[in-house]
Amino acid sequence: MAAPHGVLAVEGDGGDSGPILSDSSSEDVKRPQFGTRFLSDPRQVFQHNAWDNVEWSDEQEAAAKKKVLENSQPLPSEKQEEFDGRANEYWNEFYTIHENRFFKDRHWLFTEFPELAPQHCLNNEAHRSASDIGDGQRDSLDQEQRRNVACGDFPGSSATYRVLEVGCGVGNTVFPILKTNNDPGLFVYCCDFSSTAVELVKTNPEYDPERCLAFVHDLSDAEVDYPVPDGTLDVIVLIFVLSALHPNKMQASISRLARLLKPGGVMLLRDYGRYDMAQLRFKKGRCLSENFYVRGDGTRVYFFTQDELHELFAAAGLQKVQNLVDRRLQVNRGKQLTMYRVWIQCKYSKAPAQPSEAEEKTHRALTQTGS
């Protein structure tokens, strides 16, 4: 169903405000998985706050491309270097001003990403001990995990299910996970570029160092170690964070994260898509490079296509599980405005461990003996 006529942008300079996320809507707490609320009658557009999978007309898409092209003149290189060099300063200022008041807790996570829900952790453990996994493959997995743990006693080393959120902000993802998932084997790591944000997480009354570790980390620096060995994480979460990196640093960052995943582990991402309302709101003088912009507060944002994200994950050795565009029509019923959002949601997994040739021979011999 084509979208009804509406504004592609809203009042105000898009560079002067932070990202407007779907989790700011109270409806997201109870809403079903995206893609299930369709606008079949344009006359009913103001009956709900949001509509899923809204198709754009050819005219709308042409207008969006024209808008982006008009504002695509990049800033001088010296200004770009300034924004890059002061990125940490700008994010610290952002969290100093807004603290924990800017974003709402992301309760929709468990609908879109059931990998974070309690039952999935239990199923994961059951799957690992299921009889349909060969003894050789199970021994191979156990030996690899023991080798990783032997690298040193690290926080959460005794956990059976480990989750890392990169770009945690003030904990709008971490705390819903900790509150919802009471699995005693769960341990959550969370990091952010901003030391101010990490301090806000640690001083939150719900922060439990027995179940969580918050630390400062620069995702764009692929040479800096994480506080966990490679091959020890079940899930890595990236929610509107990869877009904040310089495009030239994205591949190395994703490849470094992929090394942290266990065989069979998964990386979850939700981020800005090409021609999202936030991109179309930027005025001239905010473009850093193609589809990469700086906001009025100095923080930066990139707008992806599905193919770009697939190439990043595939080059890191990960396999596609999901790569979807969420085209949503958000409605301000009070002002009678329609706003078109475009997000991309991805799940990419690391290939399961393969038994060695010697283990395969042993397994075949045992199978033949048993028959």
Protein backbone atom coordinates (compact mmCIF):
# COMPACT_ATOMS: atom_id res chain seq x y z
CA MET A 1 0.00 0.00 0.00
CA ALA A 2 1.49 3.31 -1.01
CA ALA A 3 1.91 5.86 1.71
CA PRO A 4 -0.53 8.76 1.89
CA HIS A 5 0.78 12.17 1.03
CA GLY A 6 2.72 13.62 3.96
CA VAL A 7 5.74 15.62 4.90
CA LEU A 8 9.16 14.07 4.40
CA ALA A 9 10.57 16.35 7.06
CA VAL A 10 9.37 18.11 10.15
CA GLU A 11 9.91 21.59 11.48
CA GLY A 12 13.32 22.44 12.85
CA ASP A 13 16.91 21.85 11.86
CA GLY A 14 17.65 18.14 11.84
CA GLY A 15 21.24 18.93 12.73
CA ASP A 16 20.20 20.54 16.00
CA SER A 17 18.55 17.53 17.56
CA GLY A 18 19.63 14.05 18.43
CA PRO A 19 18.27 10.87 16.87
CA ILE A 20 14.55 10.27 17.08
CA LEU A 21 14.11 6.55 17.79
CA SER A 22 11.11 4.29 17.62
CA ASP A 23 11.55 3.38 21.26
CA SER A 24 10.44 6.88 22.26
CA SER A 25 6.86 5.82 21.60
CA SER A 26 4.89 4.31 24.45
CA GLU A 27 3.23 2.01 21.93
CA ASP A 28 6.51 0.19 21.37
CA VAL A 29 6.21 -1.47 24.77
CA LYS A 30 3.17 -3.46 23.66
CA ARG A 31 3.38 -3.38 19.89
CA PRO A 32 3.78 -6.61 17.93
CA GLN A 33 6.85 -7.33 15.85
CA PHE A 34 7.29 -4.75 13.13
CA GLY A 35 5.65 -5.50 9.84
CA THR A 36 2.22 -6.36 11.22
CA ARG A 37 0.35 -3.03 11.32
CA PHE A 38 -0.57 -2.03 7.78
CA LEU A 39 -2.28 1.11 6.55
CA SER A 40 -4.91 -0.17 4.13
CA ASP A 41 -7.04 2.99 4.10
CA PRO A 42 -5.13 6.31 3.88
CA ARG A 43 -8.10 8.03 5.50
CA GLN A 44 -7.29 6.14 8.71
CA VAL A 45 -3.70 7.39 8.90
CA PHE A 46 -4.23 9.29 12.16
CA GLN A 47 -5.88 6.37 13.96
CA HIS A 48 -2.51 5.09 15.24
CA ASN A 49 0.90 6.52 16.09
CA ALA A 50 2.76 4.34 13.58
CA TRP A 51 2.24 2.14 10.52
CA ASP A 52 4.60 -0.60 9.32
CA ASN A 53 6.10 -1.42 5.91
CA VAL A 54 4.78 1.71 4.24
CA GLU A 55 5.75 1.87 0.59
CA TRP A 56 6.92 5.15 -0.87
CA SER A 57 5.56 6.46 -4.10
CA ASP A 58 8.00 7.15 -6.94
CA GLU A 59 7.46 10.87 -6.34
CA GLN A 60 8.39 10.59 -2.67
CA GLU A 61 11.55 8.64 -3.37
CA ALA A 62 12.58 11.10 -6.07
CA ALA A 63 11.99 14.00 -3.67
CA ALA A 64 14.12 12.30 -1.00
CA LYS A 65 17.01 11.71 -3.39
CA LYS A 66 16.81 15.32 -4.56
CA LYS A 67 16.85 16.59 -0.97
CA VAL A 68 19.94 14.54 -0.13
CA LEU A 69 21.70 15.66 -3.29
CA GLU A 70 21.00 19.32 -2.54
CA ASN A 71 22.72 19.03 0.86
CA SER A 72 25.60 16.76 -0.17
CA GLN A 73 28.39 19.34 -0.42
CA PRO A 74 30.95 18.14 2.17
CA LEU A 75 32.51 20.40 4.75
CA PRO A 76 36.21 21.33 4.38
CA SER A 77 38.63 18.59 5.44
CA GLU A 78 39.90 20.60 8.41
CA LYS A 79 36.37 20.81 9.83
CA GLN A 80 35.88 17.09 9.31
CA GLU A 81 39.12 16.35 11.15
CA GLU A 82 37.94 18.56 14.00
CA PHE A 83 34.69 16.63 14.40
CA ASP A 84 36.59 13.35 14.25
CA GLY A 85 39.19 14.40 16.80
CA ARG A 86 36.63 15.80 19.24
CA ALA A 87 34.06 12.99 18.93
CA ASN A 88 34.57 11.85 22.52
CA GLU A 89 34.14 15.41 23.77
CA TYR A 90 30.87 15.85 21.88
CA TRP A 91 29.36 12.61 23.20
CA ASN A 92 30.40 13.43 26.76
CA GLU A 93 28.71 16.82 26.41
CA PHE A 94 25.59 15.11 25.03
CA TYR A 95 25.26 12.83 28.07
CA THR A 96 26.22 15.59 30.51
CA ILE A 97 23.29 17.64 29.20
CA HIS A 98 20.69 14.91 28.73
CA GLU A 99 21.84 12.31 31.32
CA ASN A 100 19.22 9.51 31.23
CA ARG A 101 16.32 11.65 30.01
CA PHE A 102 16.82 11.51 26.23
CA PHE A 103 16.08 7.89 25.29
CA LYS A 104 13.42 5.57 26.64
CA ASP A 105 14.10 1.99 27.70
CA ARG A 106 13.97 -0.33 24.70
CA HIS A 107 11.38 -2.87 25.75
CA TRP A 108 10.76 -3.71 22.07
CA LEU A 109 14.10 -5.51 22.02
CA PHE A 110 12.64 -8.85 23.09
CA THR A 111 10.09 -8.79 20.29
CA GLU A 112 12.57 -7.96 17.54
CA PHE A 113 15.52 -9.84 19.06
CA PRO A 114 14.30 -12.93 20.98
CA GLU A 115 17.97 -13.89 21.37
CA LEU A 116 17.95 -11.51 24.37
CA ALA A 117 14.91 -13.07 26.05
CA PRO A 118 15.19 -15.50 29.00
CA GLN A 119 13.70 -18.47 27.18
CA HIS A 120 16.27 -18.19 24.43
CA CYS A 121 19.09 -18.52 26.97
CA LEU A 122 17.51 -21.70 28.33
CA ASN A 123 16.95 -23.08 24.85
CA ASN A 124 20.53 -22.24 23.98
CA GLU A 125 21.84 -24.29 26.89
CA ALA A 126 19.49 -27.16 26.06
CA HIS A 127 20.65 -27.06 22.46
CA ARG A 128 24.28 -27.30 23.46
CA SER A 129 23.63 -30.43 25.50
CA ALA A 130 21.22 -32.05 23.03
CA SER A 131 21.99 -35.58 21.96
CA ASP A 132 21.96 -34.65 18.27
CA ILE A 133 25.29 -32.83 18.69
CA GLY A 134 28.14 -35.23 18.04
CA ASP A 135 30.48 -36.01 20.92
CA GLY A 136 33.46 -34.87 18.89
CA GLN A 137 31.86 -31.52 18.03
CA ARG A 138 30.76 -30.98 21.62
CA ASP A 139 34.26 -31.78 22.90
CA SER A 140 35.68 -29.38 20.32
CA LEU A 141 33.39 -26.59 21.54
CA ASP A 142 34.17 -27.30 25.19
CA GLN A 143 37.91 -27.39 24.54
CA GLU A 144 37.78 -24.08 22.67
CA GLN A 145 35.84 -22.42 25.49
CA ARG A 146 38.24 -23.82 28.08
CA ARG A 147 41.19 -22.48 26.10
CA ASN A 148 39.57 -19.05 25.96
CA VAL A 149 38.84 -18.99 29.67
CA ALA A 150 42.36 -20.22 30.36
CA CYS A 151 43.61 -16.96 28.87
CA GLY A 152 42.77 -15.42 32.23
CA ASP A 153 40.00 -15.08 34.75
CA PHE A 154 37.75 -12.40 33.28
CA PRO A 155 34.47 -10.88 34.51
CA GLY A 156 31.62 -13.22 33.63
CA SER A 157 33.95 -16.15 32.91
CA SER A 158 31.63 -18.51 34.80
CA ALA A 159 28.53 -17.39 32.88
CA THR A 160 26.85 -19.71 30.39
CA TYR A 161 25.36 -16.94 28.23
CA ARG A 162 27.23 -13.71 27.55
CA VAL A 163 25.85 -10.58 25.87
CA LEU A 164 27.80 -7.45 24.88
CA GLU A 165 26.13 -4.20 23.97
CA VAL A 166 28.39 -1.76 22.16
CA GLY A 167 27.35 1.88 22.45
CA CYS A 168 25.26 1.33 25.57
CA GLY A 169 24.62 5.00 26.32
CA VAL A 170 22.98 5.26 29.74
CA GLY A 171 21.67 1.69 29.73
CA ASN A 172 18.38 1.81 27.83
CA THR A 173 19.13 -1.64 26.42
CA VAL A 174 21.17 -3.14 29.26
CA PHE A 175 18.73 -2.54 32.09
CA PRO A 176 15.66 -3.94 30.28
CA ILE A 177 17.74 -7.08 29.58
CA LEU A 178 18.83 -7.42 33.21
CA LYS A 179 15.30 -6.79 34.51
CA THR A 180 13.61 -9.15 32.07
CA ASN A 181 16.16 -11.94 31.90
CA ASN A 182 16.72 -13.52 35.32
CA ASP A 183 18.71 -16.45 33.97
CA PRO A 184 21.48 -17.00 36.58
CA GLY A 185 23.87 -17.95 33.79
CA LEU A 186 23.50 -14.58 32.04
CA PHE A 187 26.24 -11.96 32.12
CA VAL A 188 25.94 -8.64 30.25
CA TYR A 189 28.85 -6.47 29.15
CA CYS A 190 28.21 -2.94 27.98
CA CYS A 191 30.53 -0.24 26.72
CA ASP A 192 30.40 3.26 25.35
CA PHE A 193 32.78 5.80 23.86
CA SER A 194 31.56 8.33 26.44
CA SER A 195 32.97 8.01 29.95
CA THR A 196 30.07 10.18 31.12
CA ALA A 197 27.55 7.65 29.79
CA VAL A 198 29.37 4.72 31.38
CA GLU A 199 29.46 6.51 34.74
CA LEU A 200 25.70 7.06 34.50
CA VAL A 201 25.25 3.32 33.94
CA LYS A 202 27.43 2.41 36.92
CA THR A 203 25.63 4.83 39.26
CA ASN A 204 22.19 3.57 38.24
CA PRO A 205 20.56 1.75 41.21
CA GLU A 206 19.80 -1.19 38.90
CA TYR A 207 23.45 -1.74 37.99
CA ASP A 208 24.62 -5.07 39.43
CA PRO A 209 28.36 -5.77 39.05
CA GLU A 210 27.63 -9.44 39.74
CA ARG A 211 25.67 -9.62 36.47
CA CYS A 212 27.05 -6.74 34.42
CA LEU A 213 30.28 -4.97 33.51
CA ALA A 214 30.20 -1.44 32.10
CA PHE A 215 33.40 -0.05 30.62
CA VAL A 216 34.66 2.73 28.34
CA HIS A 217 35.64 1.58 24.87
CA ASP A 218 36.23 3.17 21.48
CA LEU A 219 34.55 0.93 18.91
CA SER A 220 36.39 2.66 16.09
CA ASP A 221 39.80 1.60 17.48
CA ALA A 222 40.06 -2.04 16.43
CA GLU A 223 43.48 -2.40 18.10
CA VAL A 224 42.15 -1.91 21.63
CA ASP A 225 41.34 -5.12 23.52
CA TYR A 226 37.99 -5.96 25.06
CA PRO A 227 37.80 -7.35 28.63
CA VAL A 228 36.78 -10.78 27.29
CA PRO A 229 38.76 -13.27 25.20
CA ASP A 230 37.90 -13.93 21.59
CA GLY A 231 35.27 -16.60 20.99
CA THR A 232 33.41 -16.14 24.29
CA LEU A 233 30.29 -14.07 23.49
CA ASP A 234 26.88 -15.45 22.52
CA VAL A 235 25.33 -12.13 21.40
CA ILE A 236 26.66 -8.70 20.42
CA VAL A 237 24.14 -5.85 20.23
CA LEU A 238 24.57 -2.69 18.12
CA ILE A 239 21.58 -0.35 18.43
CA PHE A 240 21.99 2.94 16.53
CA VAL A 241 25.73 2.96 17.19
CA LEU A 242 27.59 1.83 14.06
CA SER A 243 26.19 4.88 12.25
CA ALA A 244 28.14 7.13 14.63
CA LEU A 245 31.48 5.86 13.32
CA HIS A 246 33.42 7.26 10.41
CA PRO A 247 32.60 5.05 7.39
CA ASN A 248 36.30 4.25 6.90
CA LYS A 249 36.46 2.63 10.34
CA MET A 250 33.32 0.50 10.18
CA GLN A 251 34.77 -2.63 8.57
CA ALA A 252 37.65 -3.02 11.00
CA SER A 253 35.30 -2.46 13.92
CA ILE A 254 32.80 -5.13 12.80
CA SER A 255 35.60 -7.60 12.02
CA ARG A 256 37.05 -7.08 15.51
CA LEU A 257 33.66 -7.69 17.12
CA ALA A 258 33.12 -10.83 15.06
CA ARG A 259 36.22 -12.36 16.64
CA LEU A 260 34.58 -12.07 20.06
CA LEU A 261 31.63 -14.27 19.08
CA LYS A 262 31.47 -17.96 19.91
CA PRO A 263 30.85 -20.33 17.01
CA GLY A 264 27.12 -20.00 16.44
CA GLY A 265 27.03 -16.60 18.17
CA VAL A 266 25.01 -13.77 16.64
CA MET A 267 25.43 -10.04 16.06
CA LEU A 268 22.24 -7.94 16.25
CA LEU A 269 21.97 -4.49 14.68
CA ARG A 270 19.35 -1.82 14.26
CA ASP A 271 20.37 1.48 12.66
CA TYR A 272 19.43 4.31 10.32
CA GLY A 273 18.46 3.51 6.72
CA ARG A 274 19.00 5.62 3.61
CA TYR A 275 16.49 8.51 3.24
CA ASP A 276 15.28 8.27 6.82
CA MET A 277 13.53 11.42 7.99
CA ALA A 278 16.56 12.34 10.07
CA GLN A 279 18.72 12.41 6.92
CA LEU A 280 16.26 14.54 5.01
CA ARG A 281 16.12 17.09 7.85
CA PHE A 282 19.78 18.00 7.56
CA LYS A 283 20.39 21.38 6.01
CA LYS A 284 23.36 22.58 4.01
CA GLY A 285 26.64 22.73 5.88
CA ARG A 286 26.10 19.48 7.80
CA CYS A 287 27.40 16.93 5.29
CA LEU A 288 30.79 15.33 6.02
CA SER A 289 30.81 12.85 3.15
CA GLU A 290 28.28 10.87 1.14
CA ASN A 291 25.37 9.99 3.50
CA PHE A 292 27.46 10.97 6.55
CA TYR A 293 26.50 14.08 8.56
CA VAL A 294 27.25 16.04 11.71
CA ARG A 295 24.47 17.20 14.01
CA GLY A 296 24.36 20.58 15.68
CA ASP A 297 25.79 19.11 18.88
CA GLY A 298 28.86 17.72 17.05
CA THR A 299 27.79 14.05 17.05
CA ARG A 300 27.81 12.28 13.68
CA VAL A 301 25.51 9.87 11.87
CA TYR A 302 25.60 7.69 8.75
CA PHE A 303 22.58 6.34 6.81
CA PHE A 304 22.95 2.79 5.51
CA THR A 305 21.60 0.60 2.74
CA GLN A 306 20.98 -3.12 3.24
CA ASP A 307 23.78 -3.98 0.81
CA GLU A 308 26.31 -1.85 2.66
CA LEU A 309 25.59 -3.59 5.95
CA HIS A 310 25.62 -7.01 4.34
CA GLU A 311 29.05 -6.33 2.87
CA LEU A 312 30.38 -5.27 6.28
CA PHE A 313 29.14 -8.40 8.03
CA ALA A 314 30.04 -10.79 5.21
CA ALA A 315 33.58 -9.41 5.03
CA ALA A 316 33.86 -10.16 8.76
CA GLY A 317 33.04 -13.81 8.06
CA LEU A 318 29.46 -13.71 9.34
CA GLN A 319 26.42 -15.34 7.76
CA LYS A 320 23.12 -13.60 7.13
CA VAL A 321 20.17 -14.57 9.27
CA GLN A 322 18.14 -11.39 8.74
CA ASN A 323 18.57 -8.13 6.84
CA LEU A 324 15.34 -6.14 6.71
CA VAL A 325 14.25 -2.59 6.00
CA ASP A 326 11.72 -1.20 8.47
CA ARG A 327 9.89 1.57 6.63
CA ARG A 328 7.59 3.11 9.16
CA LEU A 329 5.14 5.97 8.99
CA GLN A 330 5.06 7.77 12.33
CA VAL A 331 2.18 10.08 13.03
CA ASN A 332 1.85 13.17 15.21
CA ARG A 333 -1.88 13.16 15.68
CA GLY A 334 -1.86 16.44 17.57
CA LYS A 335 -0.15 18.37 14.77
CA GLN A 336 -1.59 16.17 12.00
CA LEU A 337 1.90 15.42 10.67
CA THR A 338 3.18 12.25 9.02
CA MET A 339 6.88 11.39 9.32
CA TYR A 340 8.65 8.69 7.34
CA ARG A 341 11.27 6.65 9.18
CA VAL A 342 13.64 4.13 7.61
CA TRP A 343 15.59 1.71 9.78
CA ILE A 344 17.53 -1.43 8.97
CA GLN A 345 17.52 -4.46 11.22
CA CYS A 346 20.13 -7.20 10.87
CA LYS A 347 21.11 -10.50 12.42
CA TYR A 348 24.35 -12.16 11.33
CA SER A 349 25.81 -15.27 12.88
CA LYS A 350 29.21 -16.89 13.19
CA ALA A 351 29.46 -20.34 11.65
CA PRO A 352 29.17 -23.22 14.14
CA ALA A 353 32.40 -24.94 15.10
CA GLN A 354 33.39 -27.81 12.85
CA PRO A 355 34.98 -30.93 14.35
CA SER A 356 38.57 -31.63 13.38
CA GLU A 357 39.46 -34.33 10.87
CA ALA A 358 40.60 -36.62 13.71
CA GLU A 359 37.31 -36.08 15.55
CA GLU A 360 35.34 -36.82 12.39
CA LYS A 361 37.23 -40.09 11.91
CA THR A 362 36.57 -41.05 15.53
CA HIS A 363 32.90 -40.20 15.18
CA ARG A 364 32.58 -42.26 11.97
CA ALA A 365 34.32 -45.21 13.63
CA LEU A 366 31.98 -45.05 16.63
CA THR A 367 28.98 -44.79 14.34
CA GLN A 368 30.08 -47.82 12.33
CA THR A 369 30.76 -49.78 15.52
CA GLY A 370 27.32 -48.92 16.84
CA SER A 371 25.66 -50.09 13.64
